[in-house]
Each structure stands twice: as structure tokens, then as C-alpha cells.
């Protein structure tokens, strides 16, 4: 009964318990990189991935799933991660690559680029989610990893802030679409702008709402 109550209070309690056992198996393996992405769902722009190897000697307080943090908190943690991590790397797959390969394969491409961009080679890569890109290093997928593994949380923050900054810059170039507000997601305002102005060069042509406008 007590365990059920704790699960209600913390929906990830059972995953956290499982992670404690998994973490023991990772002890002593060497450098561990966390990997996550931002931008799979939007109708426009690149998908961004980040890889982070944290420094145990310089822990970063407050790391969490980027979606659970305010924009201001993400930006502060973004600076802290870049200052304190052993190394980190951010990469992307372009709109053209998304349309050519599909969003899943483009996400994997961005993840591989991020991992390959690390200054230090990790002994183990932990990727948020339940699927893995093809890699030349040992890797494991971690469901809800952005809430359970600090390095993945850090990667989610780097990827999210980087993509949000890109959207803010894009908003200056294409102000009619409101990218700074909706970050490319298919909100009512974004869909209305698509119908009124058509697609711009950074829209993903293979995504249904954009394809309908183009047709």
C-alpha cells in the first residue's frame, strides 16, 4: 500500500527505483554521455540534438526535463552546463534532411552528429526514449531519461534552448508566422498563418499541415 501511494505522489517512482539498479551496472564503465533532442514535433525548422558528459566534481543543481522548467531557468542552466560539463556538443539535422529521410531518421542523424562532436569519447551513451540511432559506441535507451538521468536532462536543456534561440531569430526573418511564440508547433495561430501566407522555406514540406497548404 505504501509503495502505491508513493507512486501516486511521484509517477516516476518505479522508474527511479529501476534506474538505481541500472546505475550500479554502469559504475566504473568510464565517461557517460547523455543525449536528447528538441524539435521532432514542430512543422518548421531543424531537429536539434545535444550530447553532454557531466563532471562529477562540479555537479549542477536543478537539472530536470527541459519541458518542466521555465524559459528563464533553462537559460540559466544552459550557461551552467556549458561552463561546468566536461564537454558538450549540439548538432542538428536540417529541414531538407527531415523531408528527405523522415523525422525519426533525421533525429538519429542529429544525435550521431552531436555524439561525434564531443571532445571526449564516451564509454557509454544514454539516449532519451526507447529507440537508438546506429552508433559506434556502447549505448542504451532510457525511457523518461530526461527526468531520470542528469546527463540526459542537461542534453535536453541544451537542445531546447538552442532550438528556441533559432526560433527567435527566425521570427525576425519571417514575422508573419509567430515562430518566437509557438516555436514551430502546429498551434491554431501557426496553422492560420500557414493558410494565409503559405509555407516559407523553413517549413517541413512532408508534414501534413504544410503539405496540405502546398497542395
N, C-alpha and C. Protein backbone atom coordinates (compact mmCIF):
# COMPACT_ATOMS: atom_id res chain seq x y z
N UNK A 1 0.83 -1.20 0.00
CA UNK A 1 0.00 0.00 0.00
C UNK A 1 0.86 1.25 0.00
N UNK A 2 1.94 1.19 0.76
CA UNK A 2 2.82 2.35 0.84
C UNK A 2 3.48 2.65 -0.49
N UNK A 3 3.87 1.57 -1.21
CA UNK A 3 4.52 1.79 -2.49
C UNK A 3 3.55 2.38 -3.50
N UNK A 4 2.26 1.96 -3.45
CA UNK A 4 1.28 2.52 -4.36
C UNK A 4 1.10 4.01 -4.10
N UNK A 5 1.08 4.40 -2.85
CA UNK A 5 0.93 5.82 -2.51
C UNK A 5 2.10 6.62 -3.03
N UNK A 6 3.30 6.08 -2.87
CA UNK A 6 4.49 6.81 -3.34
C UNK A 6 4.46 6.94 -4.84
N UNK A 7 3.94 5.95 -5.55
CA UNK A 7 3.86 6.03 -7.00
C UNK A 7 2.89 7.12 -7.43
N UNK A 8 1.77 7.29 -6.65
CA UNK A 8 0.83 8.35 -6.98
C UNK A 8 1.48 9.72 -6.77
N UNK A 9 2.24 9.85 -5.69
CA UNK A 9 2.91 11.11 -5.40
C UNK A 9 3.99 11.40 -6.42
N UNK A 10 4.67 10.38 -6.87
CA UNK A 10 5.74 10.51 -7.85
C UNK A 10 5.51 9.48 -8.95
N UNK A 11 4.92 9.88 -10.09
CA UNK A 11 4.61 8.93 -11.16
C UNK A 11 5.83 8.20 -11.70
N UNK A 12 7.02 8.75 -11.49
CA UNK A 12 8.24 8.12 -11.98
C UNK A 12 8.94 7.29 -10.91
N UNK A 13 8.28 7.07 -9.77
CA UNK A 13 8.92 6.38 -8.65
C UNK A 13 9.43 5.01 -9.06
N UNK A 14 8.60 4.24 -9.77
CA UNK A 14 9.02 2.89 -10.17
C UNK A 14 10.19 2.93 -11.14
N UNK A 15 10.20 3.97 -12.02
CA UNK A 15 11.32 4.10 -12.94
C UNK A 15 12.59 4.51 -12.20
N UNK A 16 12.43 5.39 -11.21
CA UNK A 16 13.60 5.80 -10.42
C UNK A 16 14.20 4.61 -9.69
N UNK A 17 13.35 3.75 -9.17
CA UNK A 17 13.83 2.56 -8.46
C UNK A 17 14.59 1.65 -9.41
N UNK A 18 14.04 1.46 -10.61
CA UNK A 18 14.72 0.64 -11.60
C UNK A 18 16.04 1.25 -12.03
N UNK A 19 16.05 2.59 -12.13
CA UNK A 19 17.27 3.28 -12.54
C UNK A 19 18.39 3.10 -11.53
N UNK A 20 18.06 3.03 -10.24
CA UNK A 20 19.09 2.84 -9.22
C UNK A 20 19.83 1.53 -9.45
N UNK A 21 19.08 0.48 -9.80
CA UNK A 21 19.73 -0.81 -10.08
C UNK A 21 20.56 -0.73 -11.36
N UNK A 22 20.02 -0.04 -12.36
CA UNK A 22 20.74 0.09 -13.63
C UNK A 22 22.01 0.90 -13.45
N UNK A 23 21.94 1.96 -12.65
CA UNK A 23 23.10 2.81 -12.42
C UNK A 23 24.26 2.02 -11.82
N UNK A 24 23.94 1.05 -10.97
CA UNK A 24 25.00 0.23 -10.39
C UNK A 24 25.77 -0.53 -11.46
N UNK A 25 25.05 -0.98 -12.49
CA UNK A 25 25.72 -1.72 -13.55
C UNK A 25 26.59 -0.83 -14.41
N UNK A 26 26.36 0.49 -14.37
CA UNK A 26 27.17 1.42 -15.15
C UNK A 26 28.40 1.89 -14.40
N UNK A 27 28.44 1.65 -13.08
CA UNK A 27 29.56 2.15 -12.28
C UNK A 27 30.87 1.60 -12.80
N UNK A 28 31.83 2.48 -12.98
CA UNK A 28 33.16 2.07 -13.41
C UNK A 28 33.32 1.90 -14.91
N UNK A 29 32.27 2.20 -15.70
CA UNK A 29 32.41 1.99 -17.15
C UNK A 29 33.20 3.11 -17.81
N UNK A 30 33.37 4.23 -17.14
CA UNK A 30 34.07 5.36 -17.74
C UNK A 30 33.14 6.52 -18.00
N UNK A 31 33.48 7.33 -18.98
CA UNK A 31 32.69 8.53 -19.27
C UNK A 31 31.32 8.16 -19.84
N UNK A 32 30.28 8.80 -19.30
CA UNK A 32 28.91 8.55 -19.75
C UNK A 32 28.35 9.84 -20.36
N UNK A 33 27.85 9.74 -21.58
CA UNK A 33 27.23 10.88 -22.25
C UNK A 33 25.72 10.72 -22.26
N UNK A 34 25.02 11.80 -21.97
CA UNK A 34 23.58 11.81 -22.10
C UNK A 34 23.19 12.50 -23.40
N UNK A 35 22.17 12.00 -24.06
CA UNK A 35 21.76 12.53 -25.36
C UNK A 35 20.25 12.73 -25.39
N UNK A 36 19.83 13.87 -25.92
CA UNK A 36 18.40 14.13 -26.10
C UNK A 36 18.22 15.08 -27.28
N UNK A 37 16.97 15.24 -27.70
CA UNK A 37 16.68 16.09 -28.86
C UNK A 37 15.58 17.08 -28.54
N UNK A 38 15.43 18.06 -29.41
CA UNK A 38 14.32 19.00 -29.35
C UNK A 38 13.87 19.30 -30.77
N UNK A 39 12.56 19.32 -30.97
CA UNK A 39 12.05 19.73 -32.27
C UNK A 39 11.58 18.63 -33.19
N UNK A 40 11.16 17.50 -32.64
CA UNK A 40 10.62 16.45 -33.53
C UNK A 40 9.21 16.81 -34.01
N UNK A 41 8.43 17.45 -33.15
CA UNK A 41 7.03 17.70 -33.47
C UNK A 41 6.70 18.92 -34.28
N UNK A 42 7.51 19.98 -34.26
CA UNK A 42 7.15 21.21 -34.96
C UNK A 42 7.00 21.03 -36.47
N UNK A 43 6.33 22.00 -37.09
CA UNK A 43 6.11 21.98 -38.54
C UNK A 43 7.23 22.67 -39.30
N UNK A 44 8.18 23.24 -38.58
CA UNK A 44 9.22 24.02 -39.24
C UNK A 44 10.55 23.89 -38.50
N UNK A 45 11.63 24.11 -39.24
CA UNK A 45 12.94 24.18 -38.64
C UNK A 45 13.63 22.85 -38.44
N UNK A 46 14.88 22.91 -38.06
CA UNK A 46 15.67 21.69 -37.87
C UNK A 46 15.27 20.96 -36.60
N UNK A 47 15.68 19.70 -36.50
CA UNK A 47 15.63 18.98 -35.24
C UNK A 47 17.02 19.10 -34.63
N UNK A 48 17.08 19.42 -33.35
CA UNK A 48 18.35 19.69 -32.67
C UNK A 48 18.62 18.60 -31.64
N UNK A 49 19.84 18.12 -31.58
CA UNK A 49 20.24 17.13 -30.59
C UNK A 49 21.46 17.63 -29.83
N UNK A 50 21.58 17.18 -28.59
CA UNK A 50 22.73 17.55 -27.77
C UNK A 50 23.27 16.32 -27.07
N UNK A 51 24.56 16.32 -26.83
CA UNK A 51 25.24 15.27 -26.07
C UNK A 51 26.06 15.94 -24.98
N UNK A 52 25.99 15.42 -23.77
CA UNK A 52 26.66 16.04 -22.63
C UNK A 52 27.35 14.98 -21.78
N UNK A 53 28.60 15.25 -21.42
CA UNK A 53 29.31 14.45 -20.42
C UNK A 53 29.52 15.37 -19.22
N UNK A 54 28.86 15.06 -18.13
CA UNK A 54 28.95 15.89 -16.93
C UNK A 54 30.22 15.59 -16.15
N UNK A 55 30.61 16.55 -15.32
CA UNK A 55 31.77 16.42 -14.45
C UNK A 55 31.28 16.17 -13.03
N UNK A 56 31.53 14.97 -12.49
CA UNK A 56 31.07 14.64 -11.15
C UNK A 56 31.64 15.57 -10.09
N UNK A 57 32.78 16.17 -10.40
CA UNK A 57 33.41 17.08 -9.42
C UNK A 57 32.74 18.44 -9.40
N UNK A 58 31.94 18.74 -10.41
CA UNK A 58 31.24 20.02 -10.48
C UNK A 58 29.76 19.79 -10.80
N UNK A 59 29.01 19.27 -9.83
CA UNK A 59 27.59 18.99 -10.07
C UNK A 59 26.80 20.27 -10.34
N UNK A 60 25.73 20.11 -11.11
CA UNK A 60 24.88 21.24 -11.48
C UNK A 60 23.52 21.04 -10.84
N UNK A 61 23.16 21.92 -9.94
CA UNK A 61 21.89 21.80 -9.22
C UNK A 61 20.73 22.19 -10.12
N UNK A 62 19.63 21.47 -9.97
CA UNK A 62 18.40 21.86 -10.65
C UNK A 62 18.19 21.24 -12.02
N UNK A 63 19.04 20.30 -12.43
CA UNK A 63 18.84 19.67 -13.73
C UNK A 63 17.54 18.86 -13.74
N UNK A 64 16.78 19.01 -14.80
CA UNK A 64 15.50 18.32 -14.92
C UNK A 64 15.11 18.30 -16.39
N UNK A 65 14.05 17.58 -16.69
CA UNK A 65 13.49 17.57 -18.04
C UNK A 65 13.23 19.02 -18.47
N UNK A 66 13.77 19.42 -19.60
CA UNK A 66 13.66 20.82 -20.04
C UNK A 66 12.21 21.28 -20.14
N UNK A 67 11.30 20.36 -20.45
CA UNK A 67 9.89 20.74 -20.60
C UNK A 67 9.26 21.12 -19.26
N UNK A 68 9.88 20.73 -18.16
CA UNK A 68 9.35 21.02 -16.84
C UNK A 68 9.91 22.32 -16.27
N UNK A 69 10.79 22.97 -16.99
CA UNK A 69 11.46 24.17 -16.49
C UNK A 69 10.94 25.42 -17.20
N UNK A 70 11.01 26.54 -16.53
CA UNK A 70 10.66 27.81 -17.17
C UNK A 70 11.76 28.19 -18.17
N UNK A 71 11.44 29.07 -19.09
CA UNK A 71 12.43 29.51 -20.08
C UNK A 71 13.63 30.16 -19.40
N UNK A 72 13.38 30.95 -18.36
CA UNK A 72 14.47 31.62 -17.66
C UNK A 72 15.37 30.61 -16.96
N UNK A 73 14.77 29.61 -16.33
CA UNK A 73 15.56 28.59 -15.64
C UNK A 73 16.36 27.77 -16.64
N UNK A 74 15.77 27.45 -17.79
CA UNK A 74 16.51 26.72 -18.82
C UNK A 74 17.74 27.50 -19.28
N UNK A 75 17.56 28.79 -19.48
CA UNK A 75 18.67 29.61 -19.97
C UNK A 75 19.81 29.69 -18.95
N UNK A 76 19.47 29.77 -17.66
CA UNK A 76 20.50 29.79 -16.62
C UNK A 76 21.23 28.45 -16.57
N UNK A 77 20.48 27.37 -16.66
CA UNK A 77 21.10 26.05 -16.65
C UNK A 77 21.92 25.81 -17.92
N UNK A 78 21.46 26.36 -19.04
CA UNK A 78 22.20 26.28 -20.30
C UNK A 78 23.61 26.81 -20.10
N UNK A 79 23.73 27.99 -19.48
CA UNK A 79 25.05 28.59 -19.23
C UNK A 79 25.86 27.75 -18.25
N UNK A 80 25.20 27.22 -17.20
CA UNK A 80 25.90 26.41 -16.21
C UNK A 80 26.43 25.12 -16.81
N UNK A 81 25.63 24.50 -17.67
CA UNK A 81 26.06 23.25 -18.31
C UNK A 81 27.28 23.49 -19.19
N UNK A 82 27.24 24.53 -19.97
CA UNK A 82 28.36 24.83 -20.86
C UNK A 82 29.62 25.19 -20.08
N UNK A 83 29.43 25.74 -18.88
CA UNK A 83 30.59 26.14 -18.07
C UNK A 83 31.16 24.97 -17.26
N UNK A 84 30.30 24.04 -16.81
CA UNK A 84 30.74 23.02 -15.86
C UNK A 84 30.88 21.61 -16.43
N UNK A 85 30.22 21.32 -17.53
CA UNK A 85 30.31 19.97 -18.09
C UNK A 85 31.72 19.68 -18.57
N UNK A 86 32.12 18.41 -18.53
CA UNK A 86 33.42 18.03 -19.09
C UNK A 86 33.47 18.38 -20.56
N UNK A 87 32.41 18.08 -21.28
CA UNK A 87 32.29 18.51 -22.67
C UNK A 87 30.84 18.35 -23.10
N UNK A 88 30.46 19.10 -24.10
CA UNK A 88 29.11 19.02 -24.64
C UNK A 88 29.15 19.37 -26.12
N UNK A 89 28.14 18.92 -26.82
CA UNK A 89 28.07 19.14 -28.26
C UNK A 89 26.61 19.27 -28.68
N UNK A 90 26.34 20.21 -29.56
CA UNK A 90 24.98 20.41 -30.09
C UNK A 90 25.05 20.31 -31.61
N UNK A 91 24.13 19.57 -32.19
CA UNK A 91 24.11 19.40 -33.64
C UNK A 91 22.66 19.40 -34.11
N UNK A 92 22.47 19.40 -35.41
CA UNK A 92 21.11 19.41 -35.94
C UNK A 92 21.03 18.66 -37.26
N UNK A 93 19.81 18.35 -37.64
CA UNK A 93 19.50 17.87 -38.98
C UNK A 93 18.57 18.89 -39.59
N UNK A 94 18.82 19.26 -40.81
CA UNK A 94 18.12 20.37 -41.46
C UNK A 94 16.71 19.99 -41.90
N UNK A 95 15.95 21.00 -42.27
CA UNK A 95 14.61 20.77 -42.82
C UNK A 95 14.69 19.87 -44.04
N UNK A 96 15.67 20.11 -44.90
CA UNK A 96 15.83 19.29 -46.10
C UNK A 96 16.10 17.82 -45.74
N UNK A 97 16.90 17.59 -44.71
CA UNK A 97 17.19 16.22 -44.29
C UNK A 97 15.97 15.57 -43.65
N UNK A 98 15.17 16.36 -42.94
CA UNK A 98 13.92 15.83 -42.37
C UNK A 98 12.98 15.39 -43.49
N UNK A 99 12.83 16.24 -44.50
CA UNK A 99 11.93 15.91 -45.61
C UNK A 99 12.46 14.74 -46.44
N UNK A 100 13.76 14.61 -46.49
CA UNK A 100 14.36 13.53 -47.30
C UNK A 100 14.31 12.19 -46.58
N UNK A 101 14.61 12.17 -45.30
CA UNK A 101 14.79 10.90 -44.59
C UNK A 101 13.62 10.52 -43.68
N UNK A 102 12.79 11.42 -43.26
CA UNK A 102 11.72 11.37 -42.27
C UNK A 102 12.28 11.84 -40.92
N UNK A 103 11.39 12.23 -40.03
CA UNK A 103 11.80 12.91 -38.80
C UNK A 103 12.57 11.97 -37.87
N UNK A 104 12.22 10.69 -37.81
CA UNK A 104 12.94 9.78 -36.92
C UNK A 104 14.39 9.63 -37.35
N UNK A 105 14.60 9.36 -38.64
CA UNK A 105 15.97 9.17 -39.13
C UNK A 105 16.77 10.47 -39.05
N UNK A 106 16.10 11.60 -39.26
CA UNK A 106 16.79 12.89 -39.13
C UNK A 106 17.19 13.14 -37.68
N UNK A 107 16.33 12.73 -36.74
CA UNK A 107 16.66 12.85 -35.32
C UNK A 107 17.88 12.01 -34.98
N UNK A 108 17.90 10.78 -35.46
CA UNK A 108 19.07 9.92 -35.24
C UNK A 108 20.33 10.53 -35.85
N UNK A 109 20.19 11.15 -37.01
CA UNK A 109 21.33 11.80 -37.66
C UNK A 109 21.86 12.93 -36.79
N UNK A 110 20.97 13.75 -36.25
CA UNK A 110 21.39 14.85 -35.38
C UNK A 110 22.06 14.31 -34.12
N UNK A 111 21.54 13.21 -33.57
CA UNK A 111 22.14 12.61 -32.38
C UNK A 111 23.55 12.10 -32.67
N UNK A 112 23.71 11.42 -33.78
CA UNK A 112 25.05 10.93 -34.14
C UNK A 112 26.03 12.09 -34.29
N UNK A 113 25.59 13.15 -34.92
CA UNK A 113 26.46 14.31 -35.09
C UNK A 113 26.84 14.92 -33.75
N UNK A 114 25.88 14.98 -32.83
CA UNK A 114 26.17 15.53 -31.51
C UNK A 114 27.20 14.68 -30.77
N UNK A 115 27.02 13.36 -30.82
CA UNK A 115 27.95 12.45 -30.15
C UNK A 115 29.34 12.54 -30.77
N UNK A 116 29.38 12.56 -32.08
CA UNK A 116 30.67 12.65 -32.77
C UNK A 116 31.35 13.99 -32.53
N UNK A 117 30.60 15.00 -32.14
CA UNK A 117 31.16 16.31 -31.88
C UNK A 117 31.75 16.48 -30.50
N UNK A 118 31.58 15.48 -29.64
CA UNK A 118 32.14 15.56 -28.29
C UNK A 118 33.66 15.55 -28.34
N UNK A 119 34.26 16.40 -27.53
CA UNK A 119 35.73 16.47 -27.47
C UNK A 119 36.31 15.20 -26.86
N UNK A 120 35.59 14.59 -25.93
CA UNK A 120 35.99 13.34 -25.29
C UNK A 120 35.09 12.22 -25.78
N UNK A 121 35.65 11.04 -25.95
CA UNK A 121 34.85 9.91 -26.42
C UNK A 121 34.23 9.19 -25.22
N UNK A 122 32.91 9.10 -25.18
CA UNK A 122 32.27 8.41 -24.05
C UNK A 122 32.41 6.89 -24.16
N UNK A 123 32.41 6.24 -22.99
CA UNK A 123 32.41 4.78 -22.97
C UNK A 123 30.99 4.24 -23.07
N UNK A 124 30.04 5.08 -22.71
CA UNK A 124 28.63 4.68 -22.76
C UNK A 124 27.79 5.91 -23.10
N UNK A 125 26.81 5.71 -23.98
CA UNK A 125 25.88 6.78 -24.35
C UNK A 125 24.48 6.38 -23.90
N UNK A 126 23.83 7.27 -23.17
CA UNK A 126 22.46 7.05 -22.72
C UNK A 126 21.56 8.01 -23.49
N UNK A 127 20.59 7.45 -24.20
CA UNK A 127 19.72 8.23 -25.08
C UNK A 127 18.30 8.24 -24.55
N UNK A 128 17.71 9.40 -24.47
CA UNK A 128 16.33 9.50 -24.01
C UNK A 128 15.39 8.81 -24.98
N UNK A 129 14.46 8.03 -24.44
CA UNK A 129 13.47 7.38 -25.30
C UNK A 129 13.60 5.87 -25.29
N UNK A 130 13.01 5.23 -26.28
CA UNK A 130 13.04 3.76 -26.35
C UNK A 130 13.67 3.23 -27.63
N UNK A 131 14.32 4.12 -28.40
CA UNK A 131 14.99 3.70 -29.63
C UNK A 131 16.35 4.36 -29.71
N UNK A 132 17.27 3.67 -30.41
CA UNK A 132 18.64 4.16 -30.50
C UNK A 132 19.06 4.37 -31.95
N UNK A 133 19.85 5.41 -32.21
CA UNK A 133 20.49 5.53 -33.52
C UNK A 133 21.61 4.50 -33.63
N UNK A 134 22.06 4.24 -34.83
CA UNK A 134 23.22 3.36 -35.01
C UNK A 134 24.47 4.12 -34.59
N UNK A 135 25.21 3.56 -33.63
CA UNK A 135 26.38 4.22 -33.10
C UNK A 135 27.57 3.27 -33.07
N UNK A 136 28.76 3.82 -32.98
CA UNK A 136 29.97 3.02 -32.90
C UNK A 136 30.43 2.85 -31.45
N UNK A 137 29.65 3.38 -30.50
CA UNK A 137 29.96 3.23 -29.08
C UNK A 137 28.81 2.51 -28.39
N UNK A 138 29.08 1.96 -27.24
CA UNK A 138 28.05 1.27 -26.46
C UNK A 138 26.97 2.28 -26.08
N UNK A 139 25.71 1.87 -26.23
CA UNK A 139 24.61 2.80 -25.98
C UNK A 139 23.42 2.07 -25.39
N UNK A 140 22.59 2.82 -24.67
CA UNK A 140 21.37 2.28 -24.09
C UNK A 140 20.28 3.34 -24.12
N UNK A 141 19.09 2.94 -24.51
CA UNK A 141 17.94 3.85 -24.48
C UNK A 141 17.36 3.87 -23.08
N UNK A 142 16.92 5.04 -22.62
CA UNK A 142 16.37 5.19 -21.28
C UNK A 142 15.02 5.91 -21.39
N UNK A 143 13.94 5.19 -21.16
CA UNK A 143 12.61 5.78 -21.20
C UNK A 143 12.50 6.80 -20.06
N UNK A 144 11.99 7.99 -20.38
CA UNK A 144 11.89 9.10 -19.42
C UNK A 144 13.27 9.51 -18.91
N UNK A 145 14.28 9.28 -19.72
CA UNK A 145 15.65 9.57 -19.30
C UNK A 145 15.88 11.02 -18.98
N UNK A 146 15.14 11.93 -19.63
CA UNK A 146 15.35 13.36 -19.36
C UNK A 146 14.92 13.75 -17.96
N UNK A 147 14.15 12.88 -17.30
CA UNK A 147 13.75 13.13 -15.92
C UNK A 147 14.53 12.28 -14.92
N UNK A 148 15.27 11.27 -15.43
CA UNK A 148 15.91 10.31 -14.55
C UNK A 148 17.43 10.38 -14.53
N UNK A 149 18.03 10.81 -15.62
CA UNK A 149 19.49 10.81 -15.76
C UNK A 149 19.96 12.25 -15.94
N UNK A 150 20.84 12.71 -15.07
CA UNK A 150 21.26 14.11 -15.09
C UNK A 150 21.88 14.51 -16.43
N UNK A 151 22.69 13.64 -17.00
CA UNK A 151 23.35 13.98 -18.27
C UNK A 151 22.33 14.13 -19.40
N UNK A 152 21.27 13.32 -19.37
CA UNK A 152 20.22 13.45 -20.38
C UNK A 152 19.42 14.72 -20.14
N UNK A 153 19.15 15.03 -18.87
CA UNK A 153 18.47 16.29 -18.55
C UNK A 153 19.26 17.47 -19.10
N UNK A 154 20.57 17.43 -18.90
CA UNK A 154 21.42 18.51 -19.40
C UNK A 154 21.35 18.60 -20.92
N UNK A 155 21.37 17.45 -21.57
CA UNK A 155 21.28 17.44 -23.04
C UNK A 155 19.94 18.00 -23.50
N UNK A 156 18.87 17.66 -22.80
CA UNK A 156 17.55 18.16 -23.20
C UNK A 156 17.49 19.68 -23.08
N UNK A 157 18.15 20.23 -22.07
CA UNK A 157 18.17 21.68 -21.89
C UNK A 157 18.97 22.36 -22.99
N UNK A 158 20.14 21.82 -23.30
CA UNK A 158 20.95 22.41 -24.38
C UNK A 158 20.21 22.39 -25.70
N UNK A 159 19.57 21.26 -26.01
CA UNK A 159 18.86 21.14 -27.28
C UNK A 159 17.67 22.09 -27.33
N UNK A 160 16.90 22.16 -26.25
CA UNK A 160 15.70 23.00 -26.21
C UNK A 160 16.05 24.48 -26.32
N UNK A 161 17.03 24.95 -25.54
CA UNK A 161 17.40 26.36 -25.58
C UNK A 161 17.98 26.73 -26.94
N UNK A 162 18.82 25.87 -27.49
CA UNK A 162 19.40 26.14 -28.81
C UNK A 162 18.31 26.29 -29.86
N UNK A 163 17.33 25.40 -29.83
CA UNK A 163 16.26 25.48 -30.84
C UNK A 163 15.36 26.69 -30.61
N UNK A 164 15.09 27.01 -29.35
CA UNK A 164 14.27 28.20 -29.06
C UNK A 164 14.97 29.47 -29.53
N UNK A 165 16.29 29.53 -29.39
CA UNK A 165 17.04 30.68 -29.88
C UNK A 165 16.95 30.77 -31.40
N UNK A 166 17.00 29.64 -32.05
CA UNK A 166 16.86 29.60 -33.51
C UNK A 166 15.48 30.14 -33.91
N UNK A 167 14.44 29.74 -33.17
CA UNK A 167 13.09 30.21 -33.48
C UNK A 167 12.95 31.72 -33.30
N UNK A 168 13.62 32.26 -32.28
CA UNK A 168 13.57 33.70 -32.04
C UNK A 168 14.22 34.45 -33.19
N UNK A 169 15.32 33.91 -33.70
CA UNK A 169 15.99 34.54 -34.85
C UNK A 169 15.13 34.41 -36.11
N UNK A 170 14.49 33.27 -36.25
CA UNK A 170 13.64 33.04 -37.42
C UNK A 170 12.45 33.99 -37.41
N UNK A 171 11.96 34.32 -36.24
CA UNK A 171 10.82 35.21 -36.12
C UNK A 171 11.13 36.58 -36.70
N UNK A 172 12.38 37.00 -36.61
CA UNK A 172 12.78 38.29 -37.19
C UNK A 172 12.78 38.22 -38.71
N UNK A 173 13.08 37.04 -39.24
CA UNK A 173 13.15 36.87 -40.69
C UNK A 173 11.76 36.66 -41.31
N UNK A 174 10.90 35.92 -40.58
CA UNK A 174 9.55 35.64 -41.07
C UNK A 174 8.54 36.01 -39.98
N UNK A 175 8.34 37.29 -39.71
CA UNK A 175 7.50 37.72 -38.58
C UNK A 175 6.03 37.34 -38.70
N UNK A 176 5.56 37.05 -39.90
CA UNK A 176 4.14 36.77 -40.08
C UNK A 176 3.70 35.46 -39.44
N UNK A 177 4.66 34.57 -39.13
CA UNK A 177 4.29 33.23 -38.66
C UNK A 177 4.29 33.09 -37.13
N UNK A 178 4.95 33.98 -36.41
CA UNK A 178 4.95 33.90 -34.95
C UNK A 178 5.83 32.82 -34.37
N UNK A 179 6.96 32.53 -35.02
CA UNK A 179 7.82 31.45 -34.56
C UNK A 179 8.33 31.63 -33.13
N UNK A 180 8.53 32.87 -32.70
CA UNK A 180 9.06 33.12 -31.35
C UNK A 180 8.07 32.65 -30.28
N UNK A 181 6.78 32.63 -30.62
CA UNK A 181 5.77 32.23 -29.64
C UNK A 181 5.52 30.73 -29.66
N UNK A 182 5.25 30.17 -30.83
CA UNK A 182 4.85 28.75 -30.87
C UNK A 182 6.01 27.80 -31.16
N UNK A 183 7.20 28.35 -31.46
CA UNK A 183 8.41 27.55 -31.70
C UNK A 183 8.24 26.53 -32.83
N UNK A 184 7.32 26.85 -33.75
CA UNK A 184 7.15 25.98 -34.90
C UNK A 184 6.07 24.92 -34.75
N UNK A 185 5.53 24.77 -33.55
CA UNK A 185 4.49 23.76 -33.36
C UNK A 185 3.18 24.18 -34.04
N UNK A 186 2.34 23.21 -34.29
CA UNK A 186 1.12 23.44 -35.06
C UNK A 186 0.00 24.03 -34.24
N UNK A 187 0.21 25.17 -33.66
CA UNK A 187 -0.85 25.85 -32.91
C UNK A 187 -1.88 26.43 -33.87
N UNK A 188 -3.00 26.86 -33.31
CA UNK A 188 -4.06 27.45 -34.13
C UNK A 188 -3.53 28.69 -34.86
N UNK A 189 -2.74 29.50 -34.17
CA UNK A 189 -2.19 30.71 -34.78
C UNK A 189 -1.22 30.37 -35.91
N UNK A 190 -0.41 29.33 -35.71
CA UNK A 190 0.54 28.93 -36.75
C UNK A 190 -0.19 28.39 -37.97
N UNK A 191 -1.19 27.56 -37.75
CA UNK A 191 -1.96 27.00 -38.86
C UNK A 191 -2.70 28.09 -39.64
N UNK A 192 -3.20 29.08 -38.91
CA UNK A 192 -3.87 30.20 -39.57
C UNK A 192 -2.89 30.99 -40.42
N UNK A 193 -1.68 31.20 -39.91
CA UNK A 193 -0.66 31.91 -40.68
C UNK A 193 -0.25 31.11 -41.92
N UNK A 194 -0.19 29.80 -41.77
CA UNK A 194 0.12 28.94 -42.93
C UNK A 194 -0.93 29.10 -44.02
N UNK A 195 -2.19 29.08 -43.62
CA UNK A 195 -3.27 29.21 -44.60
C UNK A 195 -3.24 30.59 -45.26
N UNK A 196 -2.90 31.60 -44.50
CA UNK A 196 -2.93 32.96 -45.04
C UNK A 196 -1.71 33.28 -45.90
N UNK A 197 -0.53 32.85 -45.47
CA UNK A 197 0.70 33.24 -46.14
C UNK A 197 1.37 32.11 -46.92
N UNK A 198 0.87 30.88 -46.76
CA UNK A 198 1.55 29.76 -47.39
C UNK A 198 2.77 29.36 -46.59
N UNK A 199 3.49 28.37 -47.10
CA UNK A 199 4.68 27.88 -46.41
C UNK A 199 5.89 28.74 -46.76
N UNK A 200 6.79 28.89 -45.79
CA UNK A 200 8.05 29.59 -46.05
C UNK A 200 9.16 28.55 -46.18
N UNK A 201 10.37 28.94 -46.56
CA UNK A 201 11.44 27.97 -46.84
C UNK A 201 11.81 27.05 -45.68
N UNK A 202 11.50 27.43 -44.44
CA UNK A 202 11.91 26.59 -43.31
C UNK A 202 10.81 25.64 -42.86
N UNK A 203 9.67 25.63 -43.53
CA UNK A 203 8.62 24.68 -43.19
C UNK A 203 8.96 23.29 -43.72
N UNK A 204 8.56 22.28 -42.95
CA UNK A 204 8.81 20.89 -43.33
C UNK A 204 7.73 20.44 -44.31
N UNK A 205 8.10 20.29 -45.54
CA UNK A 205 7.14 20.06 -46.62
C UNK A 205 6.42 18.72 -46.51
N UNK A 206 7.03 17.75 -45.83
CA UNK A 206 6.41 16.43 -45.73
C UNK A 206 5.47 16.30 -44.54
N UNK A 207 5.39 17.34 -43.70
CA UNK A 207 4.46 17.30 -42.57
C UNK A 207 3.08 17.70 -43.06
N UNK A 208 2.06 16.97 -42.67
CA UNK A 208 0.71 17.06 -43.26
C UNK A 208 0.16 18.48 -43.36
N UNK A 209 0.17 19.29 -42.29
CA UNK A 209 -0.42 20.63 -42.43
C UNK A 209 0.29 21.51 -43.45
N UNK A 210 1.59 21.30 -43.59
CA UNK A 210 2.35 22.08 -44.59
C UNK A 210 2.08 21.52 -45.98
N UNK A 211 2.07 20.20 -46.10
CA UNK A 211 1.80 19.58 -47.39
C UNK A 211 0.43 19.97 -47.93
N UNK A 212 -0.56 20.11 -47.04
CA UNK A 212 -1.91 20.49 -47.46
C UNK A 212 -1.90 21.91 -48.03
N UNK A 213 -1.13 22.79 -47.44
CA UNK A 213 -1.05 24.18 -47.93
C UNK A 213 -0.36 24.19 -49.28
N UNK A 214 0.68 23.40 -49.42
CA UNK A 214 1.42 23.37 -50.69
C UNK A 214 0.58 22.79 -51.80
N UNK A 215 -0.28 21.82 -51.47
CA UNK A 215 -1.16 21.25 -52.49
C UNK A 215 -2.24 22.23 -52.92
